[in-house]
Amino acid sequence: MEWLKNQLERSAFGVCSYLGDKMGIATARVRVYFIYLSFAAMGSPILIYLFIAFWLNLRQYIRNKRSVIWR
């Protein structure tokens, strides 16, 4: 069960863990807030989540490109 949880967290872009680390809040609590906000705001936090996921992946891509000196 722990393996499945780790795989799902990795494939979910890491947005909740990133936000939790930056704000000093548990990752599970951030996920619950996203779920509640999605129901309360009729899905608009999902767009914010996808934007942050895109931004984090773009940032990681740029960092990987810059870290390679010799090709």
PDB file of N, CA and C in Angstrom:
ATOM      1  N   MET A   1       0.820  -1.188   0.000  1.00  0.00           N
ATOM      2  CA  MET A   1       0.000   0.000   0.000  1.00  0.00           C
ATOM      3  C   MET A   1       0.870   1.261   0.000  1.00  0.00           C
ATOM      4  N   GLU A   2       1.973   1.233   0.725  1.00  0.00           N
ATOM      5  CA  GLU A   2       2.876   2.384   0.774  1.00  0.00           C
ATOM      6  C   GLU A   2       3.494   2.650  -0.599  1.00  0.00           C
ATOM      7  N   TRP A   3       3.810   1.585  -1.331  1.00  0.00           N
ATOM      8  CA  TRP A   3       4.372   1.731  -2.674  1.00  0.00           C
ATOM      9  C   TRP A   3       3.384   2.445  -3.587  1.00  0.00           C
ATOM     10  N   LEU A   4       2.122   2.042  -3.530  1.00  0.00           N
ATOM     11  CA  LEU A   4       1.091   2.663  -4.353  1.00  0.00           C
ATOM     12  C   LEU A   4       0.940   4.147  -4.013  1.00  0.00           C
ATOM     13  N   LYS A   5       0.967   4.461  -2.722  1.00  0.00           N
ATOM     14  CA  LYS A   5       0.863   5.860  -2.294  1.00  0.00           C
ATOM     15  C   LYS A   5       2.029   6.682  -2.834  1.00  0.00           C
ATOM     16  N   ASN A   6       3.233   6.152  -2.767  1.00  0.00           N
ATOM     17  CA  ASN A   6       4.399   6.871  -3.286  1.00  0.00           C
ATOM     18  C   ASN A   6       4.318   7.082  -4.788  1.00  0.00           C
ATOM     19  N   GLN A   7       3.856   6.086  -5.518  1.00  0.00           N
ATOM     20  CA  GLN A   7       3.720   6.216  -6.967  1.00  0.00           C
ATOM     21  C   GLN A   7       2.686   7.270  -7.342  1.00  0.00           C
ATOM     22  N   LEU A   8       1.579   7.288  -6.631  1.00  0.00           N
ATOM     23  CA  LEU A   8       0.548   8.286  -6.911  1.00  0.00           C
ATOM     24  C   LEU A   8       1.020   9.695  -6.582  1.00  0.00           C
ATOM     25  N   GLU A   9       1.783   9.835  -5.509  1.00  0.00           N
ATOM     26  CA  GLU A   9       2.289  11.162  -5.159  1.00  0.00           C
ATOM     27  C   GLU A   9       3.298  11.659  -6.185  1.00  0.00           C
ATOM     28  N   ARG A  10       4.126  10.783  -6.709  1.00  0.00           N
ATOM     29  CA  ARG A  10       5.092  11.193  -7.731  1.00  0.00           C
ATOM     30  C   ARG A  10       4.410  11.569  -9.031  1.00  0.00           C
ATOM     31  N   SER A  11       3.357  10.854  -9.382  1.00  0.00           N
ATOM     32  CA  SER A  11       2.691  11.122 -10.657  1.00  0.00           C
ATOM     33  C   SER A  11       1.736  12.308 -10.571  1.00  0.00           C
ATOM     34  N   ALA A  12       1.514  12.844  -9.394  1.00  0.00           N
ATOM     35  CA  ALA A  12       0.601  13.978  -9.227  1.00  0.00           C
ATOM     36  C   ALA A  12       1.348  15.305  -9.278  1.00  0.00           C
ATOM     37  N   PHE A  13       2.490  15.330  -9.940  1.00  0.00           N
ATOM     38  CA  PHE A  13       3.264  16.534 -10.218  1.00  0.00           C
ATOM     39  C   PHE A  13       3.980  17.120  -9.010  1.00  0.00           C
ATOM     40  N   GLY A  14       3.682  16.703  -7.800  1.00  0.00           N
ATOM     41  CA  GLY A  14       4.354  17.225  -6.626  1.00  0.00           C
ATOM     42  C   GLY A  14       3.903  18.606  -6.206  1.00  0.00           C
ATOM     43  N   VAL A  15       2.772  19.045  -6.681  1.00  0.00           N
ATOM     44  CA  VAL A  15       2.293  20.397  -6.370  1.00  0.00           C
ATOM     45  C   VAL A  15       1.966  20.530  -4.890  1.00  0.00           C
ATOM     46  N   CYS A  16       1.240  19.580  -4.343  1.00  0.00           N
ATOM     47  CA  CYS A  16       0.847  19.671  -2.940  1.00  0.00           C
ATOM     48  C   CYS A  16       2.052  19.584  -2.016  1.00  0.00           C
ATOM     49  N   SER A  17       3.002  18.732  -2.341  1.00  0.00           N
ATOM     50  CA  SER A  17       4.185  18.637  -1.491  1.00  0.00           C
ATOM     51  C   SER A  17       5.022  19.911  -1.593  1.00  0.00           C
ATOM     52  N   TYR A  18       5.105  20.496  -2.783  1.00  0.00           N
ATOM     53  CA  TYR A  18       5.839  21.757  -2.950  1.00  0.00           C
ATOM     54  C   TYR A  18       5.198  22.875  -2.129  1.00  0.00           C
ATOM     55  N   LEU A  19       3.880  23.007  -2.243  1.00  0.00           N
ATOM     56  CA  LEU A  19       3.182  24.052  -1.498  1.00  0.00           C
ATOM     57  C   LEU A  19       3.264  23.803   0.001  1.00  0.00           C
ATOM     58  N   GLY A  20       3.158  22.547   0.414  1.00  0.00           N
ATOM     59  CA  GLY A  20       3.254  22.216   1.825  1.00  0.00           C
ATOM     60  C   GLY A  20       4.624  22.538   2.393  1.00  0.00           C
ATOM     61  N   ASP A  21       5.680  22.248   1.632  1.00  0.00           N
ATOM     62  CA  ASP A  21       7.030  22.559   2.086  1.00  0.00           C
ATOM     63  C   ASP A  21       7.250  24.068   2.185  1.00  0.00           C
ATOM     64  N   LYS A  22       6.762  24.814   1.204  1.00  0.00           N
ATOM     65  CA  LYS A  22       6.951  26.262   1.201  1.00  0.00           C
ATOM     66  C   LYS A  22       6.179  26.955   2.330  1.00  0.00           C
ATOM     67  N   MET A  23       4.985  26.446   2.641  1.00  0.00           N
ATOM     68  CA  MET A  23       4.165  27.082   3.665  1.00  0.00           C
ATOM     69  C   MET A  23       4.335  26.452   5.041  1.00  0.00           C
ATOM     70  N   GLY A  24       5.045  25.337   5.124  1.00  0.00           N
ATOM     71  CA  GLY A  24       5.241  24.666   6.404  1.00  0.00           C
ATOM     72  C   GLY A  24       4.016  23.913   6.887  1.00  0.00           C
ATOM     73  N   ILE A  25       3.220  23.416   5.941  1.00  0.00           N
ATOM     74  CA  ILE A  25       1.993  22.684   6.255  1.00  0.00           C
ATOM     75  C   ILE A  25       2.174  21.247   5.766  1.00  0.00           C
ATOM     76  N   ALA A  26       1.508  20.315   6.407  1.00  0.00           N
ATOM     77  CA  ALA A  26       1.576  18.919   5.984  1.00  0.00           C
ATOM     78  C   ALA A  26       0.978  18.772   4.585  1.00  0.00           C
ATOM     79  N   THR A  27       1.586  17.896   3.803  1.00  0.00           N
ATOM     80  CA  THR A  27       1.143  17.680   2.423  1.00  0.00           C
ATOM     81  C   THR A  27      -0.295  17.175   2.367  1.00  0.00           C
ATOM     82  N   ALA A  28      -0.651  16.302   3.291  1.00  0.00           N
ATOM     83  CA  ALA A  28      -2.016  15.768   3.315  1.00  0.00           C
ATOM     84  C   ALA A  28      -3.033  16.874   3.555  1.00  0.00           C
ATOM     85  N   ARG A  29      -2.690  17.831   4.385  1.00  0.00           N
ATOM     86  CA  ARG A  29      -3.612  18.934   4.661  1.00  0.00           C
ATOM     87  C   ARG A  29      -3.802  19.810   3.417  1.00  0.00           C
ATOM     88  N   VAL A  30      -2.733  20.027   2.664  1.00  0.00           N
ATOM     89  CA  VAL A  30      -2.834  20.814   1.427  1.00  0.00           C
ATOM     90  C   VAL A  30      -3.742  20.097   0.432  1.00  0.00           C
ATOM     91  N   ARG A  31      -3.598  18.780   0.335  1.00  0.00           N
ATOM     92  CA  ARG A  31      -4.465  18.007  -0.573  1.00  0.00           C
ATOM     93  C   ARG A  31      -5.927  18.126  -0.169  1.00  0.00           C
ATOM     94  N   VAL A  32      -6.191  18.031   1.123  1.00  0.00           N
ATOM     95  CA  VAL A  32      -7.576  18.149   1.602  1.00  0.00           C
ATOM     96  C   VAL A  32      -8.121  19.528   1.279  1.00  0.00           C
ATOM     97  N   TYR A  33      -7.311  20.576   1.464  1.00  0.00           N
ATOM     98  CA  TYR A  33      -7.759  21.923   1.121  1.00  0.00           C
ATOM     99  C   TYR A  33      -8.088  22.046  -0.362  1.00  0.00           C
ATOM    100  N   PHE A  34      -7.259  21.446  -1.223  1.00  0.00           N
ATOM    101  CA  PHE A  34      -7.551  21.480  -2.656  1.00  0.00           C
ATOM    102  C   PHE A  34      -8.871  20.777  -2.963  1.00  0.00           C
ATOM    103  N   ILE A  35      -9.106  19.656  -2.318  1.00  0.00           N
ATOM    104  CA  ILE A  35     -10.348  18.915  -2.563  1.00  0.00           C
ATOM    105  C   ILE A  35     -11.552  19.736  -2.108  1.00  0.00           C
ATOM    106  N   TYR A  36     -11.489  20.277  -0.901  1.00  0.00           N
ATOM    107  CA  TYR A  36     -12.610  21.082  -0.397  1.00  0.00           C
ATOM    108  C   TYR A  36     -12.841  22.322  -1.249  1.00  0.00           C
ATOM    109  N   LEU A  37     -11.761  23.000  -1.619  1.00  0.00           N
ATOM    110  CA  LEU A  37     -11.912  24.197  -2.451  1.00  0.00           C
ATOM    111  C   LEU A  37     -12.475  23.860  -3.828  1.00  0.00           C
ATOM    112  N   SER A  38     -12.105  22.694  -4.348  1.00  0.00           N
ATOM    113  CA  SER A  38     -12.628  22.301  -5.659  1.00  0.00           C
ATOM    114  C   SER A  38     -14.133  22.090  -5.611  1.00  0.00           C
ATOM    115  N   PHE A  39     -14.611  21.494  -4.531  1.00  0.00           N
ATOM    116  CA  PHE A  39     -16.057  21.314  -4.402  1.00  0.00           C
ATOM    117  C   PHE A  39     -16.760  22.639  -4.140  1.00  0.00           C
ATOM    118  N   ALA A  40     -16.172  23.475  -3.305  1.00  0.00           N
ATOM    119  CA  ALA A  40     -16.811  24.742  -2.947  1.00  0.00           C
ATOM    120  C   ALA A  40     -16.796  25.739  -4.105  1.00  0.00           C
ATOM    121  N   ALA A  41     -15.722  25.747  -4.878  1.00  0.00           N
ATOM    122  CA  ALA A  41     -15.593  26.731  -5.955  1.00  0.00           C
ATOM    123  C   ALA A  41     -15.906  26.126  -7.321  1.00  0.00           C
ATOM    124  N   MET A  42     -16.496  24.978  -7.343  1.00  0.00           N
ATOM    125  CA  MET A  42     -16.920  24.295  -8.566  1.00  0.00           C
ATOM    126  C   MET A  42     -15.775  24.053  -9.548  1.00  0.00           C
ATOM    127  N   GLY A  43     -14.624  23.647  -9.034  1.00  0.00           N
ATOM    128  CA  GLY A  43     -13.552  23.187  -9.895  1.00  0.00           C
ATOM    129  C   GLY A  43     -12.489  24.196 -10.277  1.00  0.00           C
ATOM    130  N   SER A  44     -12.641  25.457  -9.916  1.00  0.00           N
ATOM    131  CA  SER A  44     -11.630  26.433 -10.325  1.00  0.00           C
ATOM    132  C   SER A  44     -10.255  26.200  -9.694  1.00  0.00           C
ATOM    133  N   PRO A  45     -10.125  25.665  -8.469  1.00  0.00           N
ATOM    134  CA  PRO A  45      -8.781  25.374  -7.949  1.00  0.00           C
ATOM    135  C   PRO A  45      -8.035  24.317  -8.758  1.00  0.00           C
ATOM    136  N   ILE A  46      -8.753  23.518  -9.512  1.00  0.00           N
ATOM    137  CA  ILE A  46      -8.090  22.532 -10.371  1.00  0.00           C
ATOM    138  C   ILE A  46      -7.276  23.244 -11.439  1.00  0.00           C
ATOM    139  N   LEU A  47      -7.787  24.351 -11.956  1.00  0.00           N
ATOM    140  CA  LEU A  47      -7.029  25.137 -12.934  1.00  0.00           C
ATOM    141  C   LEU A  47      -5.767  25.720 -12.311  1.00  0.00           C
ATOM    142  N   ILE A  48      -5.870  26.172 -11.075  1.00  0.00           N
ATOM    143  CA  ILE A  48      -4.700  26.692 -10.361  1.00  0.00           C
ATOM    144  C   ILE A  48      -3.697  25.574 -10.156  1.00  0.00           C
ATOM    145  N   TYR A  49      -4.176  24.394  -9.781  1.00  0.00           N
ATOM    146  CA  TYR A  49      -3.312  23.233  -9.578  1.00  0.00           C
ATOM    147  C   TYR A  49      -2.567  22.884 -10.859  1.00  0.00           C
ATOM    148  N   LEU A  50      -3.255  22.863 -11.975  1.00  0.00           N
ATOM    149  CA  LEU A  50      -2.619  22.536 -13.252  1.00  0.00           C
ATOM    150  C   LEU A  50      -1.608  23.603 -13.663  1.00  0.00           C
ATOM    151  N   PHE A  51      -1.899  24.873 -13.395  1.00  0.00           N
ATOM    152  CA  PHE A  51      -0.954  25.940 -13.693  1.00  0.00           C
ATOM    153  C   PHE A  51       0.319  25.787 -12.869  1.00  0.00           C
ATOM    154  N   ILE A  52       0.169  25.497 -11.571  1.00  0.00           N
ATOM    155  CA  ILE A  52       1.341  25.319 -10.719  1.00  0.00           C
ATOM    156  C   ILE A  52       2.136  24.093 -11.159  1.00  0.00           C
ATOM    157  N   ALA A  53       1.451  23.023 -11.558  1.00  0.00           N
ATOM    158  CA  ALA A  53       2.142  21.821 -12.035  1.00  0.00           C
ATOM    159  C   ALA A  53       2.944  22.128 -13.295  1.00  0.00           C
ATOM    160  N   PHE A  54       2.358  22.884 -14.208  1.00  0.00           N
ATOM    161  CA  PHE A  54       3.071  23.275 -15.419  1.00  0.00           C
ATOM    162  C   PHE A  54       4.289  24.114 -15.080  1.00  0.00           C
ATOM    163  N   TRP A  55       4.133  25.065 -14.158  1.00  0.00           N
ATOM    164  CA  TRP A  55       5.221  25.942 -13.754  1.00  0.00           C
ATOM    165  C   TRP A  55       6.363  25.157 -13.101  1.00  0.00           C
ATOM    166  N   LEU A  56       6.024  24.204 -12.228  1.00  0.00           N
ATOM    167  CA  LEU A  56       7.051  23.395 -11.572  1.00  0.00           C
ATOM    168  C   LEU A  56       7.799  22.519 -12.575  1.00  0.00           C
ATOM    169  N   ASN A  57       7.082  21.941 -13.531  1.00  0.00           N
ATOM    170  CA  ASN A  57       7.746  21.107 -14.546  1.00  0.00           C
ATOM    171  C   ASN A  57       8.631  21.948 -15.452  1.00  0.00           C
ATOM    172  N   LEU A  58       8.198  23.129 -15.793  1.00  0.00           N
ATOM    173  CA  LEU A  58       8.998  24.023 -16.614  1.00  0.00           C
ATOM    174  C   LEU A  58      10.257  24.451 -15.869  1.00  0.00           C
ATOM    175  N   ARG A  59      10.105  24.762 -14.592  1.00  0.00           N
ATOM    176  CA  ARG A  59      11.243  25.153 -13.771  1.00  0.00           C
ATOM    177  C   ARG A  59      12.260  24.015 -13.652  1.00  0.00           C
ATOM    178  N   GLN A  60      11.768  22.791 -13.480  1.00  0.00           N
ATOM    179  CA  GLN A  60      12.654  21.632 -13.394  1.00  0.00           C
ATOM    180  C   GLN A  60      13.361  21.397 -14.728  1.00  0.00           C
ATOM    181  N   TYR A  61      12.660  21.579 -15.823  1.00  0.00           N
ATOM    182  CA  TYR A  61      13.262  21.414 -17.142  1.00  0.00           C
ATOM    183  C   TYR A  61      14.389  22.419 -17.356  1.00  0.00           C
ATOM    184  N   ILE A  62      14.156  23.667 -16.970  1.00  0.00           N
ATOM    185  CA  ILE A  62      15.180  24.705 -17.125  1.00  0.00           C
ATOM    186  C   ILE A  62      16.385  24.407 -16.248  1.00  0.00           C
ATOM    187  N   ARG A  63      16.156  23.972 -15.023  1.00  0.00           N
ATOM    188  CA  ARG A  63      17.270  23.630 -14.137  1.00  0.00           C
ATOM    189  C   ARG A  63      18.093  22.477 -14.698  1.00  0.00           C
ATOM    190  N   ASN A  64      17.446  21.473 -15.257  1.00  0.00           N
ATOM    191  CA  ASN A  64      18.177  20.338 -15.827  1.00  0.00           C
ATOM    192  C   ASN A  64      18.987  20.760 -17.045  1.00  0.00           C
ATOM    193  N   LYS A  65      18.477  21.675 -17.827  1.00  0.00           N
ATOM    194  CA  LYS A  65      19.201  22.165 -18.991  1.00  0.00           C
ATOM    195  C   LYS A  65      20.433  22.951 -18.578  1.00  0.00           C
ATOM    196  N   ARG A  66      20.335  23.755 -17.536  1.00  0.00           N
ATOM    197  CA  ARG A  66      21.445  24.588 -17.095  1.00  0.00           C
ATOM    198  C   ARG A  66      22.508  23.797 -16.353  1.00  0.00           C
ATOM    199  N   SER A  67      22.136  22.681 -15.737  1.00  0.00           N
ATOM    200  CA  SER A  67      23.099  21.944 -14.923  1.00  0.00           C
ATOM    201  C   SER A  67      24.106  21.168 -15.783  1.00  0.00           C
ATOM    202  N   VAL A  68      23.765  20.894 -17.009  1.00  0.00           N
ATOM    203  CA  VAL A  68      24.671  20.153 -17.882  1.00  0.00           C
ATOM    204  C   VAL A  68      25.630  21.149 -18.544  1.00  0.00           C
ATOM    205  N   ILE A  69      26.931  21.027 -18.234  1.00  0.00           N
ATOM    206  CA  ILE A  69      27.923  21.952 -18.787  1.00  0.00           C
ATOM    207  C   ILE A  69      28.467  21.416 -20.109  1.00  0.00           C
ATOM    208  N   TRP A  70      28.915  20.179 -20.083  1.00  0.00           N
ATOM    209  CA  TRP A  70      29.504  19.568 -21.280  1.00  0.00           C
ATOM    210  C   TRP A  70      28.545  18.586 -21.912  1.00  0.00           C
ATOM    211  N   ARG A  71      28.404  18.674 -23.189  1.00  0.00           N
ATOM    212  CA  ARG A  71      27.557  17.722 -23.908  1.00  0.00           C
ATOM    213  C   ARG A  71      28.351  16.979 -24.914  1.00  0.00           C
TER     214      ARG A  71
END
